[in-house]
Amino acid sequence: VVNVRINTPPVADAGPNHVCCLNEESNFDGSKSFDADGDNLSYLWNFGDGNTGKGKKVTHIYSKPGTYIVSLTVNDNSGTKCNSATDSFTAVVNAKPTSIIKVR
């Protein structure tokens, strides 16, 4: 008897595009990701600026303004080749405006 496990890959949902403020904490939420087989998921975020994070919900602080591609990869614990999925979105990081007051 040979037991064969058929694994349905998980579905990654990184959420919608974000607009973030420079040097302020931004929240990222992958809790809409799921696995139809009920396997536990691990979460790996790539923030597009050389930094990564682990967890369903994470925070990140961008130190430079710009446009970044943020990706979330979820892996189930099935041990099969089709055990991961990735989703991504765009994060636009804006510098805070500065006020200039001229006194005459």
N, C-alpha and C. Protein backbone atom coordinates (compact mmCIF):
# COMPACT_ATOMS: atom_id res chain seq x y z
N VAL A 1 0.85 -1.17 0.00
CA VAL A 1 0.00 0.00 0.00
C VAL A 1 0.90 1.23 0.00
N VAL A 2 0.62 2.12 -0.92
CA VAL A 2 1.36 3.38 -1.00
C VAL A 2 0.37 4.51 -0.70
N ASN A 3 0.70 5.29 0.30
CA ASN A 3 -0.12 6.46 0.62
C ASN A 3 0.39 7.66 -0.16
N VAL A 4 -0.49 8.33 -0.85
CA VAL A 4 -0.14 9.51 -1.62
C VAL A 4 -0.90 10.70 -1.04
N ARG A 5 -0.16 11.73 -0.71
CA ARG A 5 -0.80 12.94 -0.20
C ARG A 5 -0.90 13.95 -1.33
N ILE A 6 -2.10 14.42 -1.56
CA ILE A 6 -2.33 15.46 -2.55
C ILE A 6 -2.49 16.76 -1.79
N ASN A 7 -1.63 17.72 -2.12
CA ASN A 7 -1.63 18.99 -1.42
C ASN A 7 -2.19 20.08 -2.31
N THR A 8 -3.11 20.84 -1.78
CA THR A 8 -3.57 22.05 -2.45
C THR A 8 -2.67 23.19 -1.98
N PRO A 9 -2.04 23.93 -2.89
CA PRO A 9 -1.17 25.01 -2.46
C PRO A 9 -1.95 26.07 -1.69
N PRO A 10 -1.28 26.79 -0.80
CA PRO A 10 -1.94 27.88 -0.08
C PRO A 10 -2.22 29.05 -1.02
N VAL A 11 -3.00 29.98 -0.54
CA VAL A 11 -3.29 31.22 -1.27
C VAL A 11 -2.73 32.37 -0.45
N ALA A 12 -1.86 33.17 -1.07
CA ALA A 12 -1.28 34.34 -0.40
C ALA A 12 -2.12 35.57 -0.73
N ASP A 13 -2.40 36.38 0.29
CA ASP A 13 -3.10 37.65 0.10
C ASP A 13 -2.38 38.71 0.92
N ALA A 14 -1.57 39.52 0.25
CA ALA A 14 -0.77 40.54 0.92
C ALA A 14 -1.56 41.81 1.21
N GLY A 15 -2.75 41.92 0.64
CA GLY A 15 -3.55 43.11 0.86
C GLY A 15 -3.39 44.11 -0.27
N PRO A 16 -4.04 45.28 -0.12
CA PRO A 16 -4.04 46.29 -1.18
C PRO A 16 -2.76 47.12 -1.20
N ASN A 17 -2.62 47.94 -2.23
CA ASN A 17 -1.51 48.89 -2.29
C ASN A 17 -1.54 49.79 -1.06
N HIS A 18 -0.37 50.30 -0.68
CA HIS A 18 -0.24 51.14 0.51
C HIS A 18 0.39 52.48 0.14
N VAL A 19 0.03 53.50 0.89
CA VAL A 19 0.75 54.77 0.89
C VAL A 19 1.29 54.92 2.29
N CYS A 20 2.61 55.07 2.40
CA CYS A 20 3.28 55.10 3.70
C CYS A 20 3.99 56.44 3.88
N CYS A 21 4.21 56.80 5.13
CA CYS A 21 4.97 58.00 5.45
C CYS A 21 6.40 57.63 5.80
N LEU A 22 7.32 58.42 5.32
CA LEU A 22 8.74 58.22 5.58
C LEU A 22 9.02 58.22 7.08
N ASN A 23 9.82 57.27 7.53
CA ASN A 23 10.26 57.15 8.93
C ASN A 23 9.12 56.94 9.92
N GLU A 24 7.98 56.44 9.44
CA GLU A 24 6.87 56.09 10.32
C GLU A 24 6.51 54.63 10.13
N GLU A 25 6.02 54.01 11.19
CA GLU A 25 5.66 52.60 11.16
C GLU A 25 4.47 52.37 10.22
N SER A 26 4.62 51.39 9.32
CA SER A 26 3.54 50.98 8.43
C SER A 26 3.15 49.56 8.77
N ASN A 27 1.85 49.27 8.73
CA ASN A 27 1.33 47.96 9.09
C ASN A 27 1.00 47.15 7.84
N PHE A 28 1.39 45.88 7.85
CA PHE A 28 1.11 44.97 6.75
C PHE A 28 0.42 43.74 7.32
N ASP A 29 -0.64 43.28 6.62
CA ASP A 29 -1.49 42.23 7.16
C ASP A 29 -1.75 41.15 6.11
N GLY A 30 -1.28 39.95 6.38
CA GLY A 30 -1.49 38.83 5.46
C GLY A 30 -2.53 37.84 5.96
N SER A 31 -3.42 38.29 6.88
CA SER A 31 -4.35 37.34 7.50
C SER A 31 -5.46 36.84 6.58
N LYS A 32 -5.58 37.40 5.38
CA LYS A 32 -6.55 36.85 4.43
C LYS A 32 -5.95 35.69 3.62
N SER A 33 -4.68 35.40 3.84
CA SER A 33 -4.05 34.23 3.22
C SER A 33 -4.62 32.98 3.88
N PHE A 34 -4.69 31.88 3.12
CA PHE A 34 -5.26 30.66 3.71
C PHE A 34 -4.73 29.42 3.01
N ASP A 35 -4.97 28.28 3.62
CA ASP A 35 -4.64 26.99 3.05
C ASP A 35 -5.89 26.12 3.09
N ALA A 36 -6.36 25.69 1.92
CA ALA A 36 -7.60 24.91 1.83
C ALA A 36 -7.50 23.58 2.56
N ASP A 37 -6.28 23.04 2.70
CA ASP A 37 -6.09 21.76 3.40
C ASP A 37 -6.05 21.94 4.91
N GLY A 38 -6.02 23.17 5.37
CA GLY A 38 -5.95 23.42 6.81
C GLY A 38 -4.54 23.35 7.37
N ASP A 39 -3.52 23.29 6.50
CA ASP A 39 -2.14 23.26 6.98
C ASP A 39 -1.79 24.61 7.61
N ASN A 40 -0.89 24.56 8.59
CA ASN A 40 -0.39 25.80 9.19
C ASN A 40 0.46 26.54 8.18
N LEU A 41 0.40 27.87 8.23
CA LEU A 41 1.16 28.69 7.29
C LEU A 41 2.28 29.43 8.00
N SER A 42 3.38 29.62 7.28
CA SER A 42 4.42 30.55 7.71
C SER A 42 4.40 31.72 6.72
N TYR A 43 4.78 32.89 7.19
CA TYR A 43 4.66 34.12 6.42
C TYR A 43 6.02 34.80 6.33
N LEU A 44 6.46 35.12 5.10
CA LEU A 44 7.70 35.85 4.90
C LEU A 44 7.42 37.06 4.02
N TRP A 45 7.69 38.24 4.56
CA TRP A 45 7.48 39.50 3.85
C TRP A 45 8.82 39.99 3.31
N ASN A 46 8.79 40.54 2.10
CA ASN A 46 9.93 41.25 1.52
C ASN A 46 9.43 42.66 1.25
N PHE A 47 10.02 43.65 1.92
CA PHE A 47 9.53 45.02 1.85
C PHE A 47 10.06 45.80 0.66
N GLY A 48 10.91 45.19 -0.16
CA GLY A 48 11.38 45.83 -1.38
C GLY A 48 12.53 46.80 -1.18
N ASP A 49 12.97 46.97 0.06
CA ASP A 49 14.08 47.88 0.35
C ASP A 49 15.27 47.15 0.96
N GLY A 50 15.31 45.83 0.79
CA GLY A 50 16.39 45.03 1.36
C GLY A 50 16.07 44.45 2.71
N ASN A 51 14.90 44.74 3.26
CA ASN A 51 14.50 44.23 4.57
C ASN A 51 13.37 43.22 4.42
N THR A 52 13.29 42.30 5.37
CA THR A 52 12.25 41.28 5.39
C THR A 52 11.63 41.20 6.78
N GLY A 53 10.49 40.55 6.87
CA GLY A 53 9.83 40.32 8.15
C GLY A 53 9.10 38.99 8.13
N LYS A 54 8.86 38.44 9.31
CA LYS A 54 8.15 37.17 9.43
C LYS A 54 6.93 37.37 10.31
N GLY A 55 5.81 36.77 9.89
CA GLY A 55 4.59 36.81 10.68
C GLY A 55 3.40 37.19 9.85
N LYS A 56 2.23 36.86 10.36
CA LYS A 56 0.97 37.16 9.67
C LYS A 56 0.76 38.67 9.56
N LYS A 57 1.01 39.37 10.67
CA LYS A 57 0.91 40.84 10.71
C LYS A 57 2.26 41.39 11.13
N VAL A 58 2.79 42.33 10.34
CA VAL A 58 4.10 42.90 10.63
C VAL A 58 4.06 44.42 10.46
N THR A 59 5.08 45.07 10.99
CA THR A 59 5.26 46.50 10.78
C THR A 59 6.63 46.72 10.17
N HIS A 60 6.77 47.83 9.47
CA HIS A 60 8.06 48.18 8.85
C HIS A 60 8.16 49.69 8.76
N ILE A 61 9.38 50.20 8.87
CA ILE A 61 9.64 51.63 8.74
C ILE A 61 10.56 51.82 7.53
N TYR A 62 10.10 52.59 6.55
CA TYR A 62 10.91 52.92 5.39
C TYR A 62 11.75 54.16 5.70
N SER A 63 13.03 54.11 5.33
CA SER A 63 13.94 55.22 5.62
C SER A 63 14.21 56.10 4.40
N LYS A 64 13.69 55.71 3.23
CA LYS A 64 13.87 56.51 2.02
C LYS A 64 12.54 56.59 1.27
N PRO A 65 12.21 57.77 0.73
CA PRO A 65 10.98 57.86 -0.07
C PRO A 65 11.14 57.09 -1.37
N GLY A 66 10.03 56.70 -1.96
CA GLY A 66 10.07 55.99 -3.23
C GLY A 66 8.92 55.02 -3.37
N THR A 67 8.97 54.24 -4.43
CA THR A 67 7.96 53.22 -4.71
C THR A 67 8.61 51.85 -4.56
N TYR A 68 7.99 51.00 -3.77
CA TYR A 68 8.55 49.69 -3.45
C TYR A 68 7.53 48.60 -3.78
N ILE A 69 8.02 47.47 -4.27
CA ILE A 69 7.17 46.29 -4.46
C ILE A 69 7.32 45.43 -3.21
N VAL A 70 6.22 45.26 -2.49
CA VAL A 70 6.19 44.46 -1.27
C VAL A 70 5.60 43.10 -1.61
N SER A 71 6.26 42.03 -1.18
CA SER A 71 5.72 40.70 -1.47
C SER A 71 5.58 39.89 -0.18
N LEU A 72 4.57 39.04 -0.19
CA LEU A 72 4.31 38.10 0.90
C LEU A 72 4.35 36.69 0.31
N THR A 73 5.19 35.85 0.88
CA THR A 73 5.23 34.43 0.50
C THR A 73 4.74 33.62 1.69
N VAL A 74 3.72 32.80 1.45
CA VAL A 74 3.22 31.90 2.50
C VAL A 74 3.60 30.47 2.13
N ASN A 75 3.99 29.71 3.13
CA ASN A 75 4.34 28.29 2.96
C ASN A 75 3.49 27.47 3.92
N ASP A 76 2.97 26.34 3.42
CA ASP A 76 2.30 25.43 4.34
C ASP A 76 3.31 24.39 4.82
N ASN A 77 2.93 23.60 5.79
CA ASN A 77 3.86 22.63 6.38
C ASN A 77 3.69 21.24 5.79
N SER A 78 3.22 21.16 4.53
CA SER A 78 2.94 19.85 3.93
C SER A 78 4.21 19.10 3.52
N GLY A 79 5.29 19.82 3.26
CA GLY A 79 6.51 19.17 2.81
C GLY A 79 6.50 18.80 1.33
N THR A 80 5.49 19.24 0.60
CA THR A 80 5.40 18.94 -0.83
C THR A 80 6.03 20.07 -1.64
N LYS A 81 6.20 19.83 -2.94
CA LYS A 81 6.81 20.85 -3.81
C LYS A 81 5.87 22.02 -4.07
N CYS A 82 4.58 21.80 -3.96
CA CYS A 82 3.62 22.87 -4.24
C CYS A 82 3.08 23.43 -2.92
N ASN A 83 3.99 23.86 -2.06
CA ASN A 83 3.54 24.28 -0.73
C ASN A 83 3.68 25.77 -0.47
N SER A 84 3.85 26.58 -1.53
CA SER A 84 3.99 28.02 -1.29
C SER A 84 3.24 28.83 -2.34
N ALA A 85 2.98 30.08 -1.99
CA ALA A 85 2.34 31.03 -2.89
C ALA A 85 2.82 32.42 -2.52
N THR A 86 2.87 33.31 -3.51
CA THR A 86 3.34 34.68 -3.29
C THR A 86 2.35 35.67 -3.86
N ASP A 87 2.15 36.78 -3.15
CA ASP A 87 1.33 37.89 -3.61
C ASP A 87 2.12 39.16 -3.35
N SER A 88 1.88 40.19 -4.15
CA SER A 88 2.62 41.44 -3.95
C SER A 88 1.73 42.65 -4.21
N PHE A 89 2.21 43.79 -3.75
CA PHE A 89 1.53 45.06 -3.98
C PHE A 89 2.57 46.17 -4.00
N THR A 90 2.13 47.38 -4.34
CA THR A 90 3.02 48.54 -4.39
C THR A 90 2.84 49.38 -3.15
N ALA A 91 3.97 49.77 -2.55
CA ALA A 91 3.96 50.70 -1.42
C ALA A 91 4.65 51.98 -1.88
N VAL A 92 3.94 53.09 -1.79
CA VAL A 92 4.51 54.40 -2.12
C VAL A 92 4.84 55.08 -0.80
N VAL A 93 6.11 55.45 -0.64
CA VAL A 93 6.57 56.07 0.60
C VAL A 93 6.82 57.54 0.32
N ASN A 94 6.07 58.39 1.01
CA ASN A 94 6.17 59.84 0.83
C ASN A 94 6.87 60.48 2.01
N ALA A 95 7.69 61.49 1.71
CA ALA A 95 8.28 62.29 2.78
C ALA A 95 7.20 63.23 3.31
N LYS A 96 7.28 63.53 4.60
CA LYS A 96 6.33 64.48 5.17
C LYS A 96 6.59 65.86 4.58
N PRO A 97 5.53 66.59 4.26
CA PRO A 97 5.74 67.94 3.74
C PRO A 97 6.31 68.84 4.84
N THR A 98 7.11 69.80 4.42
CA THR A 98 7.65 70.76 5.38
C THR A 98 7.04 72.12 5.11
N SER A 99 6.83 72.85 6.17
CA SER A 99 6.27 74.20 6.05
C SER A 99 7.40 75.21 6.04
N ILE A 100 7.27 76.17 5.17
CA ILE A 100 8.22 77.28 5.15
C ILE A 100 7.43 78.55 5.41
N ILE A 101 7.78 79.21 6.48
CA ILE A 101 7.08 80.44 6.85
C ILE A 101 8.04 81.60 6.63
N LYS A 102 7.61 82.52 5.80
CA LYS A 102 8.42 83.72 5.55
C LYS A 102 7.77 84.89 6.27
N VAL A 103 8.57 85.58 7.04
CA VAL A 103 8.09 86.76 7.76
C VAL A 103 8.63 87.98 7.07
N ARG A 104 7.73 88.90 6.75
CA ARG A 104 8.15 90.14 6.06
C ARG A 104 8.01 91.32 6.95
